[in-house]
Amino acid sequence: MQEHQGKNRPIAYASRTLNKAENNYAVTEIEALAVVWALKKFKYIIYGYPVEILTDHKPLLHLFKGKDLSGRMARWLLTVQDYMPTFTYIKGKANVAADALSRNCALTCAVSTETPTFDTLTHTDIFKAQRDDPMWSKVISYLETGNDLDLPHVPSLSHYVLQDDILYKATTFTGKYEPSRLIHQLVIPQTLVPSVLKLIHDTSHASHPGKEKTLSQARLKYFWLTMRRDINNHIDLCHTCARTKGNIHPHVPILSYPIPSSPWDVLAIDLLKLPLTERICLSVLIIFHVFQFLFQFQTKQHKQLQKQF
């Protein structure tokens, strides 16, 4: 947060989940981990400026004073010391900014990974689009009647289920910092793909993420066969991304120098100053040619090498 007109205003948000090892940390270690992670996350914004850390966990005020620390906490102390922050204790009930994001989330904003929300797509829209789709309508018919005469080839057919007359795909989700769990992805017919692409990338709450982040977020809720290709094409044609995000330039090739064809063809000159006393320096002009010689030796013994030279 940054002070503006006498009040602290948030200028950026960041969060992540704990991995398997971090879930075993004590409460104080988790609080300390949050401090270290936040400092690294916003390094290029706060480094070199006065930093004040507001915490409702009082042991943090004395933890980073560097007394009798070892192992992980000692390494974290070295990281924190680079920023020279000051710690200020605030009561838990006054820490409303953090609580609003971590614990007081409105129910209308909650996203369930068990049964994905439809956002602006209504139940009727999805119901009709799935049954009008030439492939998914046959899968739905097979699940409802068991008739597989016109059933197309669909990978992992046993993973598809019907919930409230809507087709989902049950799959195991494995996150980077989360344990594996079973989720149900809403099957998107081809006619609804453009609408879903706008929901997961173009809307204000999506904030135009990159290709891999858009794909990973989409897989938490949706499924269609050509997800990666469609997402990549949509982002490549996004005018907002093209206007606000810089292009990745190709790597500059290594600078090459002309290869000399004979000795003294190319010279390298340098001036070296060697201090003899406080007032007198010896200047040495160094000139050498950069022509390289290649010798083939039959032995590595120094006496034989002297003879060949």
C-alpha atoms as a PDB file:
ATOM      1  CA  MET A   1       0.000   0.000   0.000  1.00  0.00           C
ATOM      2  CA  GLN A   2       1.034   3.603  -0.509  1.00  0.00           C
ATOM      3  CA  GLU A   3      -0.074   6.633   1.454  1.00  0.00           C
ATOM      4  CA  HIS A   4      -2.239   9.027  -0.560  1.00  0.00           C
ATOM      5  CA  GLN A   5      -4.171  11.972   0.883  1.00  0.00           C
ATOM      6  CA  GLY A   6      -3.574  10.720   4.411  1.00  0.00           C
ATOM      7  CA  LYS A   7      -4.798   7.159   3.766  1.00  0.00           C
ATOM      8  CA  ASN A   8      -3.095   3.944   2.756  1.00  0.00           C
ATOM      9  CA  ARG A   9      -4.226   2.926  -0.718  1.00  0.00           C
ATOM     10  CA  PRO A  10      -3.497  -0.518  -2.205  1.00  0.00           C
ATOM     11  CA  ILE A  11      -1.495  -0.327  -5.434  1.00  0.00           C
ATOM     12  CA  ALA A  12      -0.990  -4.057  -6.049  1.00  0.00           C
ATOM     13  CA  TYR A  13      -2.254  -7.424  -4.847  1.00  0.00           C
ATOM     14  CA  ALA A  14      -0.487 -10.788  -4.719  1.00  0.00           C
ATOM     15  CA  SER A  15      -1.156 -14.152  -3.151  1.00  0.00           C
ATOM     16  CA  ARG A  16      -0.322 -17.817  -3.470  1.00  0.00           C
ATOM     17  CA  THR A  17      -1.095 -21.088  -1.727  1.00  0.00           C
ATOM     18  CA  LEU A  18       1.285 -23.081   0.431  1.00  0.00           C
ATOM     19  CA  ASN A  19       3.013 -26.114  -0.992  1.00  0.00           C
ATOM     20  CA  LYS A  20       3.126 -29.497   0.714  1.00  0.00           C
ATOM     21  CA  ALA A  21       6.216 -28.707   2.804  1.00  0.00           C
ATOM     22  CA  GLU A  22       5.027 -25.223   3.789  1.00  0.00           C
ATOM     23  CA  ASN A  23       1.747 -26.636   5.099  1.00  0.00           C
ATOM     24  CA  ASN A  24       3.814 -28.217   7.896  1.00  0.00           C
ATOM     25  CA  TYR A  25       5.261 -24.876   9.047  1.00  0.00           C
ATOM     26  CA  ALA A  26       4.282 -23.373  12.367  1.00  0.00           C
ATOM     27  CA  VAL A  27       2.020 -20.317  12.359  1.00  0.00           C
ATOM     28  CA  THR A  28       4.900 -17.919  13.020  1.00  0.00           C
ATOM     29  CA  GLU A  29       6.969 -19.470  10.226  1.00  0.00           C
ATOM     30  CA  ILE A  30       4.056 -19.070   7.803  1.00  0.00           C
ATOM     31  CA  GLU A  31       3.730 -15.409   8.781  1.00  0.00           C
ATOM     32  CA  ALA A  32       7.473 -14.943   8.257  1.00  0.00           C
ATOM     33  CA  LEU A  33       7.282 -16.731   4.916  1.00  0.00           C
ATOM     34  CA  ALA A  34       4.565 -14.303   3.828  1.00  0.00           C
ATOM     35  CA  VAL A  35       6.846 -11.354   4.639  1.00  0.00           C
ATOM     36  CA  VAL A  36       9.820 -12.794   2.756  1.00  0.00           C
ATOM     37  CA  TRP A  37       7.722 -13.791  -0.247  1.00  0.00           C
ATOM     38  CA  ALA A  38       6.040 -10.374  -0.445  1.00  0.00           C
ATOM     39  CA  LEU A  39       9.382  -8.550  -0.301  1.00  0.00           C
ATOM     40  CA  LYS A  40      10.738 -10.659  -3.162  1.00  0.00           C
ATOM     41  CA  LYS A  41       7.501 -10.301  -5.129  1.00  0.00           C
ATOM     42  CA  PHE A  42       7.530  -6.498  -5.054  1.00  0.00           C
ATOM     43  CA  LYS A  43      11.310  -6.057  -5.047  1.00  0.00           C
ATOM     44  CA  TYR A  44      11.414  -3.843  -8.139  1.00  0.00           C
ATOM     45  CA  ILE A  45       8.798  -1.509  -6.641  1.00  0.00           C
ATOM     46  CA  ILE A  46       9.990  -1.148  -3.048  1.00  0.00           C
ATOM     47  CA  TYR A  47      13.743  -1.804  -3.137  1.00  0.00           C
ATOM     48  CA  GLY A  48      15.653   1.234  -1.921  1.00  0.00           C
ATOM     49  CA  TYR A  49      12.585   2.910  -0.397  1.00  0.00           C
ATOM     50  CA  PRO A  50      11.463   2.947   3.248  1.00  0.00           C
ATOM     51  CA  VAL A  51       9.305  -0.140   3.821  1.00  0.00           C
ATOM     52  CA  GLU A  52       6.861  -0.547   6.701  1.00  0.00           C
ATOM     53  CA  ILE A  53       5.350  -3.982   7.320  1.00  0.00           C
ATOM     54  CA  LEU A  54       2.007  -3.993   9.127  1.00  0.00           C
ATOM     55  CA  THR A  55       1.299  -7.273  10.875  1.00  0.00           C
ATOM     56  CA  ASP A  56      -1.270  -8.573  13.329  1.00  0.00           C
ATOM     57  CA  HIS A  57       1.131 -11.368  14.384  1.00  0.00           C
ATOM     58  CA  LYS A  58       3.092  -9.912  17.272  1.00  0.00           C
ATOM     59  CA  PRO A  59       5.958 -12.496  17.365  1.00  0.00           C
ATOM     60  CA  LEU A  60       7.163 -11.132  14.005  1.00  0.00           C
ATOM     61  CA  LEU A  61       8.204  -7.903  15.721  1.00  0.00           C
ATOM     62  CA  HIS A  62      10.990  -9.735  17.554  1.00  0.00           C
ATOM     63  CA  LEU A  63      11.627 -12.627  15.179  1.00  0.00           C
ATOM     64  CA  PHE A  64      13.677 -10.687  12.628  1.00  0.00           C
ATOM     65  CA  LYS A  65      15.983  -9.040  15.168  1.00  0.00           C
ATOM     66  CA  GLY A  66      18.585 -11.697  14.436  1.00  0.00           C
ATOM     67  CA  LYS A  67      18.943 -13.398  17.813  1.00  0.00           C
ATOM     68  CA  ASP A  68      19.600 -17.159  17.934  1.00  0.00           C
ATOM     69  CA  LEU A  69      18.253 -17.852  14.447  1.00  0.00           C
ATOM     70  CA  SER A  70      19.376 -20.842  12.432  1.00  0.00           C
ATOM     71  CA  GLY A  71      18.546 -22.719   9.277  1.00  0.00           C
ATOM     72  CA  ARG A  72      15.581 -21.425   7.337  1.00  0.00           C
ATOM     73  CA  MET A  73      14.903 -18.461   9.616  1.00  0.00           C
ATOM     74  CA  ALA A  74      18.528 -17.309   9.375  1.00  0.00           C
ATOM     75  CA  ARG A  75      18.328 -17.343   5.573  1.00  0.00           C
ATOM     76  CA  TRP A  76      15.081 -15.399   5.672  1.00  0.00           C
ATOM     77  CA  LEU A  77      16.679 -12.841   7.997  1.00  0.00           C
ATOM     78  CA  LEU A  78      19.408 -12.150   5.426  1.00  0.00           C
ATOM     79  CA  THR A  79      16.755 -11.565   2.780  1.00  0.00           C
ATOM     80  CA  VAL A  80      14.734  -9.218   4.988  1.00  0.00           C
ATOM     81  CA  GLN A  81      17.822  -7.213   5.959  1.00  0.00           C
ATOM     82  CA  ASP A  82      18.371  -6.216   2.319  1.00  0.00           C
ATOM     83  CA  TYR A  83      15.159  -4.159   2.456  1.00  0.00           C
ATOM     84  CA  MET A  84      15.659  -2.774   6.012  1.00  0.00           C
ATOM     85  CA  PRO A  85      11.924  -2.727   6.785  1.00  0.00           C
ATOM     86  CA  THR A  86      10.259  -1.564   9.964  1.00  0.00           C
ATOM     87  CA  PHE A  87       7.633  -3.783  11.585  1.00  0.00           C
ATOM     88  CA  THR A  88       4.484  -2.246  13.054  1.00  0.00           C
ATOM     89  CA  TYR A  89       1.897  -4.205  15.012  1.00  0.00           C
ATOM     90  CA  ILE A  90      -1.782  -3.612  14.333  1.00  0.00           C
ATOM     91  CA  LYS A  91      -4.717  -5.376  15.927  1.00  0.00           C
ATOM     92  CA  GLY A  92      -6.355  -8.136  13.948  1.00  0.00           C
ATOM     93  CA  LYS A  93      -9.682  -6.312  13.738  1.00  0.00           C
ATOM     94  CA  ALA A  94      -7.868  -3.319  12.190  1.00  0.00           C
ATOM     95  CA  ASN A  95      -6.247  -5.430   9.477  1.00  0.00           C
ATOM     96  CA  VAL A  96      -9.286  -5.089   7.259  1.00  0.00           C
ATOM     97  CA  ALA A  97      -7.430  -4.898   3.933  1.00  0.00           C
ATOM     98  CA  ALA A  98      -5.914  -8.363   4.282  1.00  0.00           C
ATOM     99  CA  ASP A  99      -9.060  -9.868   5.794  1.00  0.00           C
ATOM    100  CA  ALA A 100     -11.223  -8.600   2.952  1.00  0.00           C
ATOM    101  CA  LEU A 101      -9.073 -10.496   0.460  1.00  0.00           C
ATOM    102  CA  SER A 102      -8.300 -13.666   2.411  1.00  0.00           C
ATOM    103  CA  ARG A 103     -11.298 -14.355   4.641  1.00  0.00           C
ATOM    104  CA  ASN A 104     -14.211 -12.108   3.819  1.00  0.00           C
ATOM    105  CA  CYS A 105     -14.795 -13.051   0.197  1.00  0.00           C
ATOM    106  CA  ALA A 106     -18.353 -12.414  -0.989  1.00  0.00           C
ATOM    107  CA  LEU A 107     -20.334 -15.513  -1.885  1.00  0.00           C
ATOM    108  CA  THR A 108     -21.197 -14.074  -5.279  1.00  0.00           C
ATOM    109  CA  CYS A 109     -17.502 -13.922  -6.136  1.00  0.00           C
ATOM    110  CA  ALA A 110     -16.612 -17.413  -4.957  1.00  0.00           C
ATOM    111  CA  VAL A 111     -15.606 -19.849  -7.667  1.00  0.00           C
ATOM    112  CA  SER A 112     -16.145 -23.527  -6.953  1.00  0.00           C
ATOM    113  CA  THR A 113     -13.766 -25.929  -8.632  1.00  0.00           C
ATOM    114  CA  GLU A 114     -16.202 -28.781  -8.043  1.00  0.00           C
ATOM    115  CA  THR A 115     -19.025 -27.356 -10.188  1.00  0.00           C
ATOM    116  CA  PRO A 116     -17.881 -24.400 -12.329  1.00  0.00           C
ATOM    117  CA  THR A 117     -20.001 -21.266 -12.443  1.00  0.00           C
ATOM    118  CA  PHE A 118     -21.460 -20.147 -15.757  1.00  0.00           C
ATOM    119  CA  ASP A 119     -20.617 -16.424 -15.346  1.00  0.00           C
ATOM    120  CA  THR A 120     -22.664 -14.723 -18.085  1.00  0.00           C
ATOM    121  CA  LEU A 121     -23.586 -18.039 -19.756  1.00  0.00           C
ATOM    122  CA  THR A 122     -26.965 -19.205 -18.561  1.00  0.00           C
ATOM    123  CA  HIS A 123     -27.993 -22.783 -17.908  1.00  0.00           C
ATOM    124  CA  THR A 124     -30.372 -22.572 -20.857  1.00  0.00           C
ATOM    125  CA  ASP A 125     -27.646 -21.378 -23.230  1.00  0.00           C
ATOM    126  CA  ILE A 126     -25.335 -24.226 -22.312  1.00  0.00           C
ATOM    127  CA  PHE A 127     -28.105 -26.827 -22.334  1.00  0.00           C
ATOM    128  CA  LYS A 128     -29.204 -25.854 -25.843  1.00  0.00           C
ATOM    129  CA  ALA A 129     -25.666 -25.433 -27.252  1.00  0.00           C
ATOM    130  CA  GLN A 130     -24.514 -28.849 -26.003  1.00  0.00           C
ATOM    131  CA  ARG A 131     -27.501 -30.608 -27.547  1.00  0.00           C
ATOM    132  CA  ASP A 132     -27.131 -28.746 -30.839  1.00  0.00           C
ATOM    133  CA  ASP A 133     -23.464 -29.683 -31.116  1.00  0.00           C
ATOM    134  CA  PRO A 134     -22.973 -32.609 -33.565  1.00  0.00           C
ATOM    135  CA  MET A 135     -20.449 -34.394 -31.315  1.00  0.00           C
ATOM    136  CA  TRP A 136     -21.428 -33.583 -27.746  1.00  0.00           C
ATOM    137  CA  SER A 137     -25.125 -34.230 -28.409  1.00  0.00           C
ATOM    138  CA  LYS A 138     -24.255 -37.864 -29.219  1.00  0.00           C
ATOM    139  CA  VAL A 139     -22.203 -38.183 -26.054  1.00  0.00           C
ATOM    140  CA  ILE A 140     -25.141 -36.843 -24.035  1.00  0.00           C
ATOM    141  CA  SER A 141     -27.489 -39.263 -25.791  1.00  0.00           C
ATOM    142  CA  TYR A 142     -25.157 -42.142 -24.934  1.00  0.00           C
ATOM    143  CA  LEU A 143     -25.051 -41.150 -21.262  1.00  0.00           C
ATOM    144  CA  GLU A 144     -28.829 -40.814 -21.101  1.00  0.00           C
ATOM    145  CA  THR A 145     -29.885 -43.885 -23.098  1.00  0.00           C
ATOM    146  CA  GLY A 146     -26.786 -46.082 -23.382  1.00  0.00           C
ATOM    147  CA  ASN A 147     -27.145 -46.143 -27.192  1.00  0.00           C
ATOM    148  CA  ASP A 148     -23.663 -46.114 -28.762  1.00  0.00           C
ATOM    149  CA  LEU A 149     -24.574 -46.650 -32.428  1.00  0.00           C
ATOM    150  CA  ASP A 150     -23.609 -43.163 -33.623  1.00  0.00           C
ATOM    151  CA  LEU A 151     -21.182 -42.464 -30.803  1.00  0.00           C
ATOM    152  CA  PRO A 152     -18.041 -40.675 -32.109  1.00  0.00           C
ATOM    153  CA  HIS A 153     -14.561 -41.449 -30.843  1.00  0.00           C
ATOM    154  CA  VAL A 154     -14.038 -39.338 -27.739  1.00  0.00           C
ATOM    155  CA  PRO A 155     -10.920 -39.844 -25.593  1.00  0.00           C
ATOM    156  CA  SER A 156     -11.615 -40.859 -21.968  1.00  0.00           C
ATOM    157  CA  LEU A 157     -15.331 -41.292 -22.554  1.00  0.00           C
ATOM    158  CA  SER A 158     -15.830 -42.734 -19.073  1.00  0.00           C
ATOM    159  CA  HIS A 159     -14.828 -39.370 -17.540  1.00  0.00           C
ATOM    160  CA  TYR A 160     -17.914 -37.569 -18.875  1.00  0.00           C
ATOM    161  CA  VAL A 161     -20.913 -37.161 -16.587  1.00  0.00           C
ATOM    162  CA  LEU A 162     -24.253 -35.352 -16.600  1.00  0.00           C
ATOM    163  CA  GLN A 163     -25.150 -32.985 -13.772  1.00  0.00           C
ATOM    164  CA  ASP A 164     -28.472 -31.113 -13.963  1.00  0.00           C
ATOM    165  CA  ASP A 165     -28.679 -32.093 -17.649  1.00  0.00           C
ATOM    166  CA  ILE A 166     -25.341 -30.380 -18.330  1.00  0.00           C
ATOM    167  CA  LEU A 167     -22.300 -32.295 -19.609  1.00  0.00           C
ATOM    168  CA  TYR A 168     -19.105 -32.173 -17.528  1.00  0.00           C
ATOM    169  CA  LYS A 169     -15.756 -33.901 -17.722  1.00  0.00           C
ATOM    170  CA  ALA A 170     -14.351 -35.259 -14.461  1.00  0.00           C
ATOM    171  CA  THR A 171     -10.583 -34.918 -14.290  1.00  0.00           C
ATOM    172  CA  THR A 172      -7.821 -34.786 -11.700  1.00  0.00           C
ATOM    173  CA  PHE A 173      -6.330 -31.342 -11.204  1.00  0.00           C
ATOM    174  CA  THR A 174      -2.761 -31.030  -9.954  1.00  0.00           C
ATOM    175  CA  GLY A 175      -1.622 -27.515  -9.072  1.00  0.00           C
ATOM    176  CA  LYS A 176       1.912 -26.320  -8.435  1.00  0.00           C
ATOM    177  CA  TYR A 177       1.230 -25.522  -4.776  1.00  0.00           C
ATOM    178  CA  GLU A 178      -1.963 -27.531  -4.289  1.00  0.00           C
ATOM    179  CA  PRO A 179      -2.709 -31.204  -3.662  1.00  0.00           C
ATOM    180  CA  SER A 180      -4.359 -33.218  -6.419  1.00  0.00           C
ATOM    181  CA  ARG A 181      -8.143 -33.138  -6.410  1.00  0.00           C
ATOM    182  CA  LEU A 182     -11.061 -34.120  -8.609  1.00  0.00           C
ATOM    183  CA  ILE A 183     -12.739 -31.288 -10.523  1.00  0.00           C
ATOM    184  CA  HIS A 184     -15.573 -31.150 -13.044  1.00  0.00           C
ATOM    185  CA  GLN A 185     -14.905 -29.145 -16.191  1.00  0.00           C
ATOM    186  CA  LEU A 186     -17.855 -27.725 -18.066  1.00  0.00           C
ATOM    187  CA  VAL A 187     -17.835 -29.087 -21.638  1.00  0.00           C
ATOM    188  CA  ILE A 188     -17.982 -26.152 -24.064  1.00  0.00           C
ATOM    189  CA  PRO A 189     -19.535 -26.668 -27.513  1.00  0.00           C
ATOM    190  CA  GLN A 190     -17.785 -25.035 -30.445  1.00  0.00           C
ATOM    191  CA  THR A 191     -20.472 -22.350 -30.768  1.00  0.00           C
ATOM    192  CA  LEU A 192     -19.766 -21.078 -27.241  1.00  0.00           C
ATOM    193  CA  VAL A 193     -15.965 -21.068 -27.488  1.00  0.00           C
ATOM    194  CA  PRO A 194     -15.741 -17.361 -28.547  1.00  0.00           C
ATOM    195  CA  SER A 195     -17.901 -16.347 -25.574  1.00  0.00           C
ATOM    196  CA  VAL A 196     -15.818 -18.388 -23.140  1.00  0.00           C
ATOM    197  CA  LEU A 197     -12.588 -16.934 -24.546  1.00  0.00           C
ATOM    198  CA  LYS A 198     -13.874 -13.453 -23.792  1.00  0.00           C
ATOM    199  CA  LEU A 199     -14.844 -14.501 -20.251  1.00  0.00           C
ATOM    200  CA  ILE A 200     -11.444 -15.970 -19.376  1.00  0.00           C
ATOM    201  CA  HIS A 201      -9.312 -13.306 -21.054  1.00  0.00           C
ATOM    202  CA  ASP A 202     -11.078 -10.101 -22.085  1.00  0.00           C
ATOM    203  CA  THR A 203     -13.262  -9.260 -19.088  1.00  0.00           C
ATOM    204  CA  SER A 204     -12.211  -6.792 -16.395  1.00  0.00           C
ATOM    205  CA  HIS A 205     -11.716  -9.469 -13.730  1.00  0.00           C
ATOM    206  CA  ALA A 206      -9.606 -11.581 -16.113  1.00  0.00           C
ATOM    207  CA  SER A 207      -7.197  -8.689 -16.851  1.00  0.00           C
ATOM    208  CA  HIS A 208      -5.794 -10.120 -20.108  1.00  0.00           C
ATOM    209  CA  PRO A 209      -3.395 -12.779 -18.712  1.00  0.00           C
ATOM    210  CA  GLY A 210      -0.776 -14.508 -20.842  1.00  0.00           C
ATOM    211  CA  LYS A 211      -1.269 -17.702 -22.797  1.00  0.00           C
ATOM    212  CA  GLU A 212      -0.154 -20.218 -20.191  1.00  0.00           C
ATOM    213  CA  LYS A 213      -1.964 -18.487 -17.329  1.00  0.00           C
ATOM    214  CA  THR A 214      -5.151 -18.209 -19.362  1.00  0.00           C
ATOM    215  CA  LEU A 215      -4.954 -21.890 -20.245  1.00  0.00           C
ATOM    216  CA  SER A 216      -4.350 -22.994 -16.654  1.00  0.00           C
ATOM    217  CA  GLN A 217      -7.235 -20.873 -15.361  1.00  0.00           C
ATOM    218  CA  ALA A 218      -9.550 -22.100 -18.109  1.00  0.00           C
ATOM    219  CA  ARG A 219      -8.814 -25.743 -17.323  1.00  0.00           C
ATOM    220  CA  LEU A 220     -10.102 -25.229 -13.788  1.00  0.00           C
ATOM    221  CA  LYS A 221     -13.604 -24.593 -15.142  1.00  0.00           C
ATOM    222  CA  TYR A 222     -13.945 -25.478 -18.825  1.00  0.00           C
ATOM    223  CA  PHE A 223     -13.017 -28.109 -21.373  1.00  0.00           C
ATOM    224  CA  TRP A 224     -13.078 -28.349 -25.143  1.00  0.00           C
ATOM    225  CA  LEU A 225     -10.840 -30.311 -27.474  1.00  0.00           C
ATOM    226  CA  THR A 226      -8.832 -27.441 -28.995  1.00  0.00           C
ATOM    227  CA  MET A 227      -8.317 -25.307 -25.897  1.00  0.00           C
ATOM    228  CA  ARG A 228      -4.631 -24.488 -26.321  1.00  0.00           C
ATOM    229  CA  ARG A 229      -4.880 -23.642 -30.009  1.00  0.00           C
ATOM    230  CA  ASP A 230      -7.971 -21.460 -29.588  1.00  0.00           C
ATOM    231  CA  ILE A 231      -6.556 -19.617 -26.576  1.00  0.00           C
ATOM    232  CA  ASN A 232      -3.255 -18.945 -28.338  1.00  0.00           C
ATOM    233  CA  ASN A 233      -5.033 -17.644 -31.454  1.00  0.00           C
ATOM    234  CA  HIS A 234      -7.355 -15.454 -29.391  1.00  0.00           C
ATOM    235  CA  ILE A 235      -4.498 -13.835 -27.457  1.00  0.00           C
ATOM    236  CA  ASP A 236      -2.450 -13.338 -30.632  1.00  0.00           C
ATOM    237  CA  LEU A 237      -5.368 -11.345 -32.090  1.00  0.00           C
ATOM    238  CA  CYS A 238      -6.174  -9.426 -28.886  1.00  0.00           C
ATOM    239  CA  HIS A 239      -5.811  -5.695 -29.622  1.00  0.00           C
ATOM    240  CA  THR A 240      -5.509  -4.766 -25.938  1.00  0.00           C
ATOM    241  CA  CYS A 241      -2.586  -7.142 -25.392  1.00  0.00           C
ATOM    242  CA  ALA A 242      -0.893  -5.951 -28.577  1.00  0.00           C
ATOM    243  CA  ARG A 243      -1.282  -2.318 -27.537  1.00  0.00           C
ATOM    244  CA  THR A 244      -0.232  -2.567 -23.887  1.00  0.00           C
ATOM    245  CA  LYS A 245       2.201  -5.469 -23.765  1.00  0.00           C
ATOM    246  CA  GLY A 246       5.618  -5.235 -25.340  1.00  0.00           C
ATOM    247  CA  ASN A 247       6.805  -7.639 -27.992  1.00  0.00           C
ATOM    248  CA  ILE A 248       9.468 -10.175 -27.132  1.00  0.00           C
ATOM    249  CA  HIS A 249      12.436  -9.392 -29.323  1.00  0.00           C
ATOM    250  CA  PRO A 250      14.610 -12.229 -30.591  1.00  0.00           C
ATOM    251  CA  HIS A 251      17.998 -12.778 -29.024  1.00  0.00           C
ATOM    252  CA  VAL A 252      20.746 -10.607 -30.461  1.00  0.00           C
ATOM    253  CA  PRO A 253      23.406 -12.791 -32.121  1.00  0.00           C
ATOM    254  CA  ILE A 254      26.864 -12.851 -30.598  1.00  0.00           C
ATOM    255  CA  LEU A 255      29.115 -10.200 -32.082  1.00  0.00           C
ATOM    256  CA  SER A 256      31.715 -11.787 -34.331  1.00  0.00           C
ATOM    257  CA  TYR A 257      35.069 -10.324 -35.318  1.00  0.00           C
ATOM    258  CA  PRO A 258      36.884 -10.818 -38.636  1.00  0.00           C
ATOM    259  CA  ILE A 259      39.268 -13.758 -38.591  1.00  0.00           C
ATOM    260  CA  PRO A 260      42.849 -12.704 -39.459  1.00  0.00           C
ATOM    261  CA  SER A 261      44.512 -14.533 -42.321  1.00  0.00           C
ATOM    262  CA  SER A 262      48.150 -14.007 -41.283  1.00  0.00           C
ATOM    263  CA  PRO A 263      50.208 -12.777 -38.326  1.00  0.00           C
ATOM    264  CA  TRP A 264      50.101  -9.018 -37.679  1.00  0.00           C
ATOM    265  CA  ASP A 265      47.003  -8.743 -39.839  1.00  0.00           C
ATOM    266  CA  VAL A 266      44.940  -7.564 -36.857  1.00  0.00           C
ATOM    267  CA  LEU A 267      46.547  -5.837 -33.887  1.00  0.00           C
ATOM    268  CA  ALA A 268      45.265  -5.307 -30.359  1.00  0.00           C
ATOM    269  CA  ILE A 269      46.648  -2.302 -28.447  1.00  0.00           C
ATOM    270  CA  ASP A 270      46.232  -1.451 -24.774  1.00  0.00           C
ATOM    271  CA  LEU A 271      47.871   0.927 -22.322  1.00  0.00           C
ATOM    272  CA  LEU A 272      48.748  -0.447 -18.893  1.00  0.00           C
ATOM    273  CA  LYS A 273      49.715   1.785 -15.968  1.00  0.00           C
ATOM    274  CA  LEU A 274      51.744   0.253 -13.133  1.00  0.00           C
ATOM    275  CA  PRO A 275      52.128   2.420  -9.991  1.00  0.00           C
ATOM    276  CA  LEU A 276      55.734   2.516  -8.799  1.00  0.00           C
ATOM    277  CA  THR A 277      55.264   5.134  -6.072  1.00  0.00           C
ATOM    278  CA  GLU A 278      52.446   7.424  -4.976  1.00  0.00           C
ATOM    279  CA  ARG A 279      53.367   9.945  -7.724  1.00  0.00           C
ATOM    280  CA  ILE A 280      55.171   7.909 -10.358  1.00  0.00           C
ATOM    281  CA  CYS A 281      53.545   5.372 -12.652  1.00  0.00           C
ATOM    282  CA  LEU A 282      55.091   3.169 -15.278  1.00  0.00           C
ATOM    283  CA  SER A 283      53.124   3.191 -18.524  1.00  0.00           C
ATOM    284  CA  VAL A 284      53.404   0.113 -20.692  1.00  0.00           C
ATOM    285  CA  LEU A 285      52.070   0.045 -24.249  1.00  0.00           C
ATOM    286  CA  ILE A 286      51.002  -3.495 -25.117  1.00  0.00           C
ATOM    287  CA  ILE A 287      50.704  -4.476 -28.782  1.00  0.00           C
ATOM    288  CA  PHE A 288      50.009  -8.006 -29.909  1.00  0.00           C
ATOM    289  CA  HIS A 289      48.477  -9.664 -32.907  1.00  0.00           C
ATOM    290  CA  VAL A 290      45.403 -11.861 -32.613  1.00  0.00           C
ATOM    291  CA  PHE A 291      46.412 -14.460 -35.147  1.00  0.00           C
ATOM    292  CA  GLN A 292      46.002 -17.886 -33.597  1.00  0.00           C
ATOM    293  CA  PHE A 293      48.293 -20.829 -34.156  1.00  0.00           C
ATOM    294  CA  LEU A 294      47.196 -24.443 -34.009  1.00  0.00           C
ATOM    295  CA  PHE A 295      49.783 -27.089 -33.205  1.00  0.00           C
ATOM    296  CA  GLN A 296      49.412 -30.835 -33.175  1.00  0.00           C
ATOM    297  CA  PHE A 297      51.487 -32.664 -30.584  1.00  0.00           C
ATOM    298  CA  GLN A 298      52.144 -36.370 -30.268  1.00  0.00           C
ATOM    299  CA  THR A 299      53.017 -36.192 -26.587  1.00  0.00           C
ATOM    300  CA  LYS A 300      52.302 -34.075 -23.520  1.00  0.00           C
ATOM    301  CA  GLN A 301      55.772 -34.391 -22.000  1.00  0.00           C
ATOM    302  CA  HIS A 302      57.362 -30.993 -21.517  1.00  0.00           C
ATOM    303  CA  LYS A 303      60.789 -32.012 -22.915  1.00  0.00           C
ATOM    304  CA  GLN A 304      59.279 -33.117 -26.219  1.00  0.00           C
ATOM    305  CA  LEU A 305      57.180 -29.921 -26.366  1.00  0.00           C
ATOM    306  CA  GLN A 306      60.319 -27.793 -25.977  1.00  0.00           C
ATOM    307  CA  LYS A 307      61.948 -29.533 -28.918  1.00  0.00           C
ATOM    308  CA  GLN A 308      58.928 -28.973 -31.168  1.00  0.00           C
ATOM    309  CA  PHE A 309      58.907 -25.260 -30.348  1.00  0.00           C
END
